[in-house]
Amino acid sequence: MNDTGHLDYQVFKGLQRPLEFLGFQGRYIYWAAGTAGGAIVGFIIGYVAVGFIAALVLLTVILAFGGVMTFLKQRKGLHSKNEDKGIFIFAHSRRI
């Protein structure tokens, strides 16, 4: 009991860590799922339009490109960051 006479209950707030699945974290799980889905759809379209070998090449290219882009973006961090490049000059500040 606390000072007000009410019972205290512990609240589970989670692990305070991002969701992770097979090495993908947070929103990049959706990126990986989108890449896999796009590769499957690309394979089906390529198989119908051209043939098996071309569809297999298309599947490999989409999976490789999507996987590399997902890992590169994930390496930068879970949240989007602006990377300012250049020289910045601090001219003046506002005095309070």
PDB file of N, CA and C in Angstrom:
ATOM      1  N   MET A   1       0.842  -1.187   0.000  1.00  0.00           N
ATOM      2  CA  MET A   1       0.000   0.000   0.000  1.00  0.00           C
ATOM      3  C   MET A   1       0.881   1.243   0.000  1.00  0.00           C
ATOM      4  N   ASN A   2       0.376   2.280  -0.623  1.00  0.00           N
ATOM      5  CA  ASN A   2       1.116   3.536  -0.599  1.00  0.00           C
ATOM      6  C   ASN A   2       0.496   4.478   0.430  1.00  0.00           C
ATOM      7  N   ASP A   3       0.949   5.727   0.467  1.00  0.00           N
ATOM      8  CA  ASP A   3       0.505   6.678   1.486  1.00  0.00           C
ATOM      9  C   ASP A   3      -0.973   7.046   1.374  1.00  0.00           C
ATOM     10  N   THR A   4      -1.540   6.912   0.193  1.00  0.00           N
ATOM     11  CA  THR A   4      -2.945   7.293   0.006  1.00  0.00           C
ATOM     12  C   THR A   4      -3.903   6.165   0.355  1.00  0.00           C
ATOM     13  N   GLY A   5      -3.378   4.984   0.669  1.00  0.00           N
ATOM     14  CA  GLY A   5      -4.241   3.879   1.039  1.00  0.00           C
ATOM     15  C   GLY A   5      -4.636   2.999  -0.127  1.00  0.00           C
ATOM     16  N   HIS A   6      -4.092   3.257  -1.310  1.00  0.00           N
ATOM     17  CA  HIS A   6      -4.400   2.451  -2.494  1.00  0.00           C
ATOM     18  C   HIS A   6      -3.317   1.395  -2.674  1.00  0.00           C
ATOM     19  N   LEU A   7      -3.704   0.274  -3.258  1.00  0.00           N
ATOM     20  CA  LEU A   7      -2.745  -0.781  -3.535  1.00  0.00           C
ATOM     21  C   LEU A   7      -1.879  -0.412  -4.733  1.00  0.00           C
ATOM     22  N   ASP A   8      -0.617  -0.751  -4.667  1.00  0.00           N
ATOM     23  CA  ASP A   8       0.299  -0.531  -5.785  1.00  0.00           C
ATOM     24  C   ASP A   8       0.435  -1.821  -6.570  1.00  0.00           C
ATOM     25  N   TYR A   9       0.404  -1.711  -7.890  1.00  0.00           N
ATOM     26  CA  TYR A   9       0.602  -2.852  -8.768  1.00  0.00           C
ATOM     27  C   TYR A   9       1.764  -2.544  -9.704  1.00  0.00           C
ATOM     28  N   GLN A  10       2.594  -3.528  -9.954  1.00  0.00           N
ATOM     29  CA  GLN A  10       3.671  -3.345 -10.897  1.00  0.00           C
ATOM     30  C   GLN A  10       3.107  -3.358 -12.307  1.00  0.00           C
ATOM     31  N   VAL A  11       3.607  -2.469 -13.115  1.00  0.00           N
ATOM     32  CA  VAL A  11       3.170  -2.382 -14.504  1.00  0.00           C
ATOM     33  C   VAL A  11       4.318  -2.861 -15.381  1.00  0.00           C
ATOM     34  N   PHE A  12       4.039  -3.844 -16.224  1.00  0.00           N
ATOM     35  CA  PHE A  12       5.055  -4.341 -17.140  1.00  0.00           C
ATOM     36  C   PHE A  12       5.136  -3.401 -18.324  1.00  0.00           C
ATOM     37  N   LYS A  13       6.289  -2.810 -18.531  1.00  0.00           N
ATOM     38  CA  LYS A  13       6.464  -1.842 -19.611  1.00  0.00           C
ATOM     39  C   LYS A  13       7.273  -2.418 -20.770  1.00  0.00           C
ATOM     40  N   GLY A  14       7.491  -3.702 -20.777  1.00  0.00           N
ATOM     41  CA  GLY A  14       8.244  -4.322 -21.862  1.00  0.00           C
ATOM     42  C   GLY A  14       9.729  -4.276 -21.592  1.00  0.00           C
ATOM     43  N   LEU A  15      10.470  -4.694 -22.554  1.00  0.00           N
ATOM     44  CA  LEU A  15      11.915  -4.769 -22.405  1.00  0.00           C
ATOM     45  C   LEU A  15      12.610  -3.481 -22.832  1.00  0.00           C
ATOM     46  N   GLN A  16      11.860  -2.543 -23.358  1.00  0.00           N
ATOM     47  CA  GLN A  16      12.401  -1.283 -23.859  1.00  0.00           C
ATOM     48  C   GLN A  16      13.420  -1.522 -24.956  1.00  0.00           C
ATOM     49  N   ARG A  17      13.196  -2.541 -25.736  1.00  0.00           N
ATOM     50  CA  ARG A  17      14.049  -2.857 -26.867  1.00  0.00           C
ATOM     51  C   ARG A  17      13.160  -3.018 -28.091  1.00  0.00           C
ATOM     52  N   PRO A  18      13.686  -2.728 -29.286  1.00  0.00           N
ATOM     53  CA  PRO A  18      12.867  -2.882 -30.489  1.00  0.00           C
ATOM     54  C   PRO A  18      12.582  -4.349 -30.795  1.00  0.00           C
ATOM     55  N   LEU A  19      11.479  -4.575 -31.460  1.00  0.00           N
ATOM     56  CA  LEU A  19      11.105  -5.909 -31.891  1.00  0.00           C
ATOM     57  C   LEU A  19      12.161  -6.438 -32.854  1.00  0.00           C
ATOM     58  N   GLU A  20      12.531  -7.706 -32.737  1.00  0.00           N
ATOM     59  CA  GLU A  20      13.565  -8.281 -33.599  1.00  0.00           C
ATOM     60  C   GLU A  20      13.109  -9.638 -34.108  1.00  0.00           C
ATOM     61  N   PHE A  21      13.343  -9.880 -35.401  1.00  0.00           N
ATOM     62  CA  PHE A  21      13.002 -11.153 -36.030  1.00  0.00           C
ATOM     63  C   PHE A  21      14.050 -11.467 -37.086  1.00  0.00           C
ATOM     64  N   LEU A  22      14.789 -12.553 -36.906  1.00  0.00           N
ATOM     65  CA  LEU A  22      15.824 -13.006 -37.836  1.00  0.00           C
ATOM     66  C   LEU A  22      16.844 -11.916 -38.161  1.00  0.00           C
ATOM     67  N   GLY A  23      17.196 -11.113 -37.187  1.00  0.00           N
ATOM     68  CA  GLY A  23      18.196 -10.065 -37.390  1.00  0.00           C
ATOM     69  C   GLY A  23      17.629  -8.733 -37.834  1.00  0.00           C
ATOM     70  N   PHE A  24      16.365  -8.707 -38.207  1.00  0.00           N
ATOM     71  CA  PHE A  24      15.728  -7.446 -38.601  1.00  0.00           C
ATOM     72  C   PHE A  24      15.077  -6.829 -37.376  1.00  0.00           C
ATOM     73  N   GLN A  25      15.204  -5.514 -37.231  1.00  0.00           N
ATOM     74  CA  GLN A  25      14.645  -4.841 -36.073  1.00  0.00           C
ATOM     75  C   GLN A  25      13.553  -3.864 -36.488  1.00  0.00           C
ATOM     76  N   GLY A  26      12.532  -3.784 -35.648  1.00  0.00           N
ATOM     77  CA  GLY A  26      11.494  -2.761 -35.784  1.00  0.00           C
ATOM     78  C   GLY A  26      10.855  -2.715 -37.150  1.00  0.00           C
ATOM     79  N   ARG A  27      10.879  -1.536 -37.741  1.00  0.00           N
ATOM     80  CA  ARG A  27      10.196  -1.341 -39.019  1.00  0.00           C
ATOM     81  C   ARG A  27      10.863  -2.063 -40.176  1.00  0.00           C
ATOM     82  N   TYR A  28      12.117  -2.484 -39.993  1.00  0.00           N
ATOM     83  CA  TYR A  28      12.809  -3.188 -41.067  1.00  0.00           C
ATOM     84  C   TYR A  28      12.299  -4.606 -41.244  1.00  0.00           C
ATOM     85  N   ILE A  29      11.529  -5.101 -40.302  1.00  0.00           N
ATOM     86  CA  ILE A  29      10.831  -6.374 -40.502  1.00  0.00           C
ATOM     87  C   ILE A  29       9.845  -6.225 -41.651  1.00  0.00           C
ATOM     88  N   TYR A  30       9.158  -5.090 -41.698  1.00  0.00           N
ATOM     89  CA  TYR A  30       8.211  -4.835 -42.785  1.00  0.00           C
ATOM     90  C   TYR A  30       8.936  -4.656 -44.109  1.00  0.00           C
ATOM     91  N   TRP A  31      10.096  -4.015 -44.073  1.00  0.00           N
ATOM     92  CA  TRP A  31      10.892  -3.851 -45.293  1.00  0.00           C
ATOM     93  C   TRP A  31      11.292  -5.217 -45.842  1.00  0.00           C
ATOM     94  N   ALA A  32      11.731  -6.113 -44.958  1.00  0.00           N
ATOM     95  CA  ALA A  32      12.142  -7.452 -45.389  1.00  0.00           C
ATOM     96  C   ALA A  32      10.942  -8.241 -45.916  1.00  0.00           C
ATOM     97  N   ALA A  33       9.807  -8.110 -45.260  1.00  0.00           N
ATOM     98  CA  ALA A  33       8.600  -8.800 -45.733  1.00  0.00           C
ATOM     99  C   ALA A  33       8.161  -8.262 -47.090  1.00  0.00           C
ATOM    100  N   GLY A  34       8.257  -6.956 -47.270  1.00  0.00           N
ATOM    101  CA  GLY A  34       7.927  -6.349 -48.564  1.00  0.00           C
ATOM    102  C   GLY A  34       8.873  -6.804 -49.664  1.00  0.00           C
ATOM    103  N   THR A  35      10.146  -6.933 -49.331  1.00  0.00           N
ATOM    104  CA  THR A  35      11.125  -7.424 -50.300  1.00  0.00           C
ATOM    105  C   THR A  35      10.809  -8.858 -50.698  1.00  0.00           C
ATOM    106  N   ALA A  36      10.507  -9.703 -49.723  1.00  0.00           N
ATOM    107  CA  ALA A  36      10.183 -11.100 -50.020  1.00  0.00           C
ATOM    108  C   ALA A  36       8.907 -11.197 -50.857  1.00  0.00           C
ATOM    109  N   GLY A  37       7.897 -10.419 -50.486  1.00  0.00           N
ATOM    110  CA  GLY A  37       6.647 -10.429 -51.259  1.00  0.00           C
ATOM    111  C   GLY A  37       6.844  -9.913 -52.672  1.00  0.00           C
ATOM    112  N   GLY A  38       7.622  -8.836 -52.801  1.00  0.00           N
ATOM    113  CA  GLY A  38       7.901  -8.292 -54.133  1.00  0.00           C
ATOM    114  C   GLY A  38       8.699  -9.258 -54.990  1.00  0.00           C
ATOM    115  N   ALA A  39       9.612  -9.990 -54.363  1.00  0.00           N
ATOM    116  CA  ALA A  39      10.395 -10.973 -55.108  1.00  0.00           C
ATOM    117  C   ALA A  39       9.516 -12.115 -55.608  1.00  0.00           C
ATOM    118  N   ILE A  40       8.579 -12.550 -54.772  1.00  0.00           N
ATOM    119  CA  ILE A  40       7.682 -13.634 -55.191  1.00  0.00           C
ATOM    120  C   ILE A  40       6.772 -13.180 -56.331  1.00  0.00           C
ATOM    121  N   VAL A  41       6.225 -11.978 -56.192  1.00  0.00           N
ATOM    122  CA  VAL A  41       5.368 -11.448 -57.258  1.00  0.00           C
ATOM    123  C   VAL A  41       6.179 -11.242 -58.536  1.00  0.00           C
ATOM    124  N   GLY A  42       7.403 -10.735 -58.399  1.00  0.00           N
ATOM    125  CA  GLY A  42       8.275 -10.560 -59.565  1.00  0.00           C
ATOM    126  C   GLY A  42       8.604 -11.882 -60.233  1.00  0.00           C
ATOM    127  N   PHE A  43       8.823 -12.918 -59.426  1.00  0.00           N
ATOM    128  CA  PHE A  43       9.088 -14.244 -59.976  1.00  0.00           C
ATOM    129  C   PHE A  43       7.892 -14.743 -60.776  1.00  0.00           C
ATOM    130  N   ILE A  44       6.697 -14.587 -60.230  1.00  0.00           N
ATOM    131  CA  ILE A  44       5.485 -15.063 -60.928  1.00  0.00           C
ATOM    132  C   ILE A  44       5.306 -14.319 -62.245  1.00  0.00           C
ATOM    133  N   ILE A  45       5.460 -13.004 -62.212  1.00  0.00           N
ATOM    134  CA  ILE A  45       5.293 -12.207 -63.445  1.00  0.00           C
ATOM    135  C   ILE A  45       6.378 -12.573 -64.463  1.00  0.00           C
ATOM    136  N   GLY A  46       7.624 -12.711 -63.992  1.00  0.00           N
ATOM    137  CA  GLY A  46       8.707 -13.080 -64.901  1.00  0.00           C
ATOM    138  C   GLY A  46       8.530 -14.467 -65.490  1.00  0.00           C
ATOM    139  N   TYR A  47       8.018 -15.399 -64.698  1.00  0.00           N
ATOM    140  CA  TYR A  47       7.787 -16.765 -65.184  1.00  0.00           C
ATOM    141  C   TYR A  47       6.715 -16.798 -66.260  1.00  0.00           C
ATOM    142  N   VAL A  48       5.649 -16.017 -66.040  1.00  0.00           N
ATOM    143  CA  VAL A  48       4.561 -15.987 -67.027  1.00  0.00           C
ATOM    144  C   VAL A  48       4.998 -15.252 -68.288  1.00  0.00           C
ATOM    145  N   ALA A  49       5.735 -14.147 -68.115  1.00  0.00           N
ATOM    146  CA  ALA A  49       6.087 -13.309 -69.262  1.00  0.00           C
ATOM    147  C   ALA A  49       7.254 -13.868 -70.072  1.00  0.00           C
ATOM    148  N   VAL A  50       8.297 -14.361 -69.419  1.00  0.00           N
ATOM    149  CA  VAL A  50       9.521 -14.725 -70.141  1.00  0.00           C
ATOM    150  C   VAL A  50       9.845 -16.211 -70.009  1.00  0.00           C
ATOM    151  N   GLY A  51       9.978 -16.689 -68.779  1.00  0.00           N
ATOM    152  CA  GLY A  51      10.350 -18.084 -68.581  1.00  0.00           C
ATOM    153  C   GLY A  51      10.982 -18.273 -67.216  1.00  0.00           C
ATOM    154  N   PHE A  52      11.334 -19.531 -66.930  1.00  0.00           N
ATOM    155  CA  PHE A  52      11.806 -19.878 -65.597  1.00  0.00           C
ATOM    156  C   PHE A  52      13.154 -19.245 -65.257  1.00  0.00           C
ATOM    157  N   ILE A  53      14.100 -19.303 -66.167  1.00  0.00           N
ATOM    158  CA  ILE A  53      15.447 -18.790 -65.893  1.00  0.00           C
ATOM    159  C   ILE A  53      15.416 -17.286 -65.661  1.00  0.00           C
ATOM    160  N   ALA A  54      14.691 -16.557 -66.498  1.00  0.00           N
ATOM    161  CA  ALA A  54      14.583 -15.107 -66.328  1.00  0.00           C
ATOM    162  C   ALA A  54      13.867 -14.764 -65.018  1.00  0.00           C
ATOM    163  N   ALA A  55      12.870 -15.547 -64.659  1.00  0.00           N
ATOM    164  CA  ALA A  55      12.148 -15.317 -63.406  1.00  0.00           C
ATOM    165  C   ALA A  55      13.046 -15.587 -62.215  1.00  0.00           C
ATOM    166  N   LEU A  56      13.888 -16.596 -62.302  1.00  0.00           N
ATOM    167  CA  LEU A  56      14.821 -16.915 -61.233  1.00  0.00           C
ATOM    168  C   LEU A  56      15.862 -15.812 -61.066  1.00  0.00           C
ATOM    169  N   VAL A  57      16.343 -15.281 -62.173  1.00  0.00           N
ATOM    170  CA  VAL A  57      17.284 -14.153 -62.124  1.00  0.00           C
ATOM    171  C   VAL A  57      16.608 -12.941 -61.502  1.00  0.00           C
ATOM    172  N   LEU A  58      15.381 -12.656 -61.901  1.00  0.00           N
ATOM    173  CA  LEU A  58      14.641 -11.526 -61.343  1.00  0.00           C
ATOM    174  C   LEU A  58      14.419 -11.698 -59.843  1.00  0.00           C
ATOM    175  N   LEU A  59      14.074 -12.893 -59.415  1.00  0.00           N
ATOM    176  CA  LEU A  59      13.899 -13.189 -57.994  1.00  0.00           C
ATOM    177  C   LEU A  59      15.187 -12.933 -57.221  1.00  0.00           C
ATOM    178  N   THR A  60      16.302 -13.395 -57.763  1.00  0.00           N
ATOM    179  CA  THR A  60      17.597 -13.216 -57.098  1.00  0.00           C
ATOM    180  C   THR A  60      17.979 -11.751 -57.010  1.00  0.00           C
ATOM    181  N   VAL A  61      17.770 -11.014 -58.073  1.00  0.00           N
ATOM    182  CA  VAL A  61      18.116  -9.584 -58.088  1.00  0.00           C
ATOM    183  C   VAL A  61      17.270  -8.814 -57.084  1.00  0.00           C
ATOM    184  N   ILE A  62      15.976  -9.064 -57.046  1.00  0.00           N
ATOM    185  CA  ILE A  62      15.098  -8.350 -56.115  1.00  0.00           C
ATOM    186  C   ILE A  62      15.447  -8.684 -54.673  1.00  0.00           C
ATOM    187  N   LEU A  63      15.678  -9.964 -54.374  1.00  0.00           N
ATOM    188  CA  LEU A  63      16.044 -10.347 -53.007  1.00  0.00           C
ATOM    189  C   LEU A  63      17.391  -9.761 -52.598  1.00  0.00           C
ATOM    190  N   ALA A  64      18.358  -9.776 -53.496  1.00  0.00           N
ATOM    191  CA  ALA A  64      19.682  -9.242 -53.168  1.00  0.00           C
ATOM    192  C   ALA A  64      19.617  -7.734 -52.947  1.00  0.00           C
ATOM    193  N   PHE A  65      18.968  -7.018 -53.857  1.00  0.00           N
ATOM    194  CA  PHE A  65      18.880  -5.558 -53.732  1.00  0.00           C
ATOM    195  C   PHE A  65      18.092  -5.164 -52.490  1.00  0.00           C
ATOM    196  N   GLY A  66      16.946  -5.789 -52.279  1.00  0.00           N
ATOM    197  CA  GLY A  66      16.128  -5.473 -51.103  1.00  0.00           C
ATOM    198  C   GLY A  66      16.819  -5.821 -49.806  1.00  0.00           C
ATOM    199  N   GLY A  67      17.512  -6.957 -49.771  1.00  0.00           N
ATOM    200  CA  GLY A  67      18.232  -7.353 -48.569  1.00  0.00           C
ATOM    201  C   GLY A  67      19.374  -6.409 -48.239  1.00  0.00           C
ATOM    202  N   VAL A  68      20.137  -6.039 -49.240  1.00  0.00           N
ATOM    203  CA  VAL A  68      21.253  -5.114 -49.025  1.00  0.00           C
ATOM    204  C   VAL A  68      20.745  -3.755 -48.575  1.00  0.00           C
ATOM    205  N   MET A  69      19.717  -3.251 -49.212  1.00  0.00           N
ATOM    206  CA  MET A  69      19.180  -1.944 -48.829  1.00  0.00           C
ATOM    207  C   MET A  69      18.602  -1.972 -47.411  1.00  0.00           C
ATOM    208  N   THR A  70      17.930  -3.056 -47.052  1.00  0.00           N
ATOM    209  CA  THR A  70      17.370  -3.180 -45.708  1.00  0.00           C
ATOM    210  C   THR A  70      18.471  -3.199 -44.660  1.00  0.00           C
ATOM    211  N   PHE A  71      19.523  -3.984 -44.898  1.00  0.00           N
ATOM    212  CA  PHE A  71      20.622  -4.042 -43.928  1.00  0.00           C
ATOM    213  C   PHE A  71      21.378  -2.727 -43.853  1.00  0.00           C
ATOM    214  N   LEU A  72      21.549  -2.037 -44.980  1.00  0.00           N
ATOM    215  CA  LEU A  72      22.235  -0.743 -44.947  1.00  0.00           C
ATOM    216  C   LEU A  72      21.433   0.295 -44.176  1.00  0.00           C
ATOM    217  N   LYS A  73      20.133   0.331 -44.405  1.00  0.00           N
ATOM    218  CA  LYS A  73      19.286   1.282 -43.682  1.00  0.00           C
ATOM    219  C   LYS A  73      19.217   0.925 -42.203  1.00  0.00           C
ATOM    220  N   GLN A  74      19.171  -0.355 -41.889  1.00  0.00           N
ATOM    221  CA  GLN A  74      19.106  -0.780 -40.498  1.00  0.00           C
ATOM    222  C   GLN A  74      20.398  -0.440 -39.769  1.00  0.00           C
ATOM    223  N   ARG A  75      21.508  -0.523 -40.456  1.00  0.00           N
ATOM    224  CA  ARG A  75      22.798  -0.222 -39.835  1.00  0.00           C
ATOM    225  C   ARG A  75      22.876   1.244 -39.410  1.00  0.00           C
ATOM    226  N   LYS A  76      22.205   2.139 -40.161  1.00  0.00           N
ATOM    227  CA  LYS A  76      22.205   3.558 -39.806  1.00  0.00           C
ATOM    228  C   LYS A  76      21.434   3.826 -38.520  1.00  0.00           C
ATOM    229  N   GLY A  77      20.500   2.980 -38.188  1.00  0.00           N
ATOM    230  CA  GLY A  77      19.739   3.154 -36.964  1.00  0.00           C
ATOM    231  C   GLY A  77      18.266   2.936 -37.192  1.00  0.00           C
ATOM    232  N   LEU A  78      17.559   2.711 -36.095  1.00  0.00           N
ATOM    233  CA  LEU A  78      16.141   2.394 -36.186  1.00  0.00           C
ATOM    234  C   LEU A  78      15.305   3.620 -36.536  1.00  0.00           C
ATOM    235  N   HIS A  79      15.770   4.785 -36.146  1.00  0.00           N
ATOM    236  CA  HIS A  79      15.034   6.010 -36.412  1.00  0.00           C
ATOM    237  C   HIS A  79      15.740   6.803 -37.489  1.00  0.00           C
ATOM    238  N   SER A  80      14.972   7.467 -38.339  1.00  0.00           N
ATOM    239  CA  SER A  80      15.559   8.248 -39.420  1.00  0.00           C
ATOM    240  C   SER A  80      16.336   9.427 -38.851  1.00  0.00           C
ATOM    241  N   LYS A  81      17.482   9.650 -39.407  1.00  0.00           N
ATOM    242  CA  LYS A  81      18.322  10.748 -38.955  1.00  0.00           C
ATOM    243  C   LYS A  81      18.716  11.589 -40.153  1.00  0.00           C
ATOM    244  N   ASN A  82      18.810  12.875 -39.947  1.00  0.00           N
ATOM    245  CA  ASN A  82      19.314  13.753 -40.991  1.00  0.00           C
ATOM    246  C   ASN A  82      20.819  13.873 -40.835  1.00  0.00           C
ATOM    247  N   GLU A  83      21.530  13.624 -41.903  1.00  0.00           N
ATOM    248  CA  GLU A  83      22.970  13.767 -41.868  1.00  0.00           C
ATOM    249  C   GLU A  83      23.330  15.030 -42.634  1.00  0.00           C
ATOM    250  N   ASP A  84      23.598  16.088 -41.910  1.00  0.00           N
ATOM    251  CA  ASP A  84      23.982  17.341 -42.530  1.00  0.00           C
ATOM    252  C   ASP A  84      25.458  17.284 -42.871  1.00  0.00           C
ATOM    253  N   LYS A  85      25.766  17.557 -44.126  1.00  0.00           N
ATOM    254  CA  LYS A  85      27.156  17.552 -44.569  1.00  0.00           C
ATOM    255  C   LYS A  85      27.488  18.958 -45.052  1.00  0.00           C
ATOM    256  N   GLY A  86      28.604  19.444 -44.635  1.00  0.00           N
ATOM    257  CA  GLY A  86      29.024  20.768 -45.074  1.00  0.00           C
ATOM    258  C   GLY A  86      29.564  21.572 -43.911  1.00  0.00           C
ATOM    259  N   ILE A  87      29.773  22.844 -44.176  1.00  0.00           N
ATOM    260  CA  ILE A  87      30.297  23.763 -43.168  1.00  0.00           C
ATOM    261  C   ILE A  87      29.153  24.666 -42.724  1.00  0.00           C
ATOM    262  N   PHE A  88      28.970  24.759 -41.419  1.00  0.00           N
ATOM    263  CA  PHE A  88      27.901  25.581 -40.873  1.00  0.00           C
ATOM    264  C   PHE A  88      28.521  26.711 -40.065  1.00  0.00           C
ATOM    265  N   ILE A  89      28.051  27.916 -40.314  1.00  0.00           N
ATOM    266  CA  ILE A  89      28.559  29.088 -39.607  1.00  0.00           C
ATOM    267  C   ILE A  89      27.468  29.588 -38.671  1.00  0.00           C
ATOM    268  N   PHE A  90      27.811  29.673 -37.397  1.00  0.00           N
ATOM    269  CA  PHE A  90      26.889  30.174 -36.390  1.00  0.00           C
ATOM    270  C   PHE A  90      27.036  31.686 -36.347  1.00  0.00           C
ATOM    271  N   ALA A  91      26.078  32.416 -36.901  1.00  0.00           N
ATOM    272  CA  ALA A  91      26.193  33.858 -37.059  1.00  0.00           C
ATOM    273  C   ALA A  91      25.840  34.609 -35.784  1.00  0.00           C
ATOM    274  N   HIS A  92      24.737  34.304 -35.189  1.00  0.00           N
ATOM    275  CA  HIS A  92      24.327  34.992 -33.970  1.00  0.00           C
ATOM    276  C   HIS A  92      23.323  34.140 -33.208  1.00  0.00           C
ATOM    277  N   SER A  93      23.093  34.522 -31.969  1.00  0.00           N
ATOM    278  CA  SER A  93      22.101  33.823 -31.177  1.00  0.00           C
ATOM    279  C   SER A  93      21.120  34.827 -30.584  1.00  0.00           C
ATOM    280  N   ARG A  94      20.001  34.321 -30.202  1.00  0.00           N
ATOM    281  CA  ARG A  94      18.972  35.157 -29.621  1.00  0.00           C
ATOM    282  C   ARG A  94      19.182  35.199 -28.120  1.00  0.00           C
ATOM    283  N   ARG A  95      19.256  36.364 -27.560  1.00  0.00           N
ATOM    284  CA  ARG A  95      19.444  36.493 -26.122  1.00  0.00           C
ATOM    285  C   ARG A  95      18.094  36.621 -25.439  1.00  0.00           C
ATOM    286  N   ILE A  96      17.988  35.958 -24.318  1.00  0.00           N
ATOM    287  CA  ILE A  96      16.732  35.999 -23.579  1.00  0.00           C
ATOM    288  C   ILE A  96      16.865  36.922 -22.400  1.00  0.00           C
TER     289      ILE A  96
END
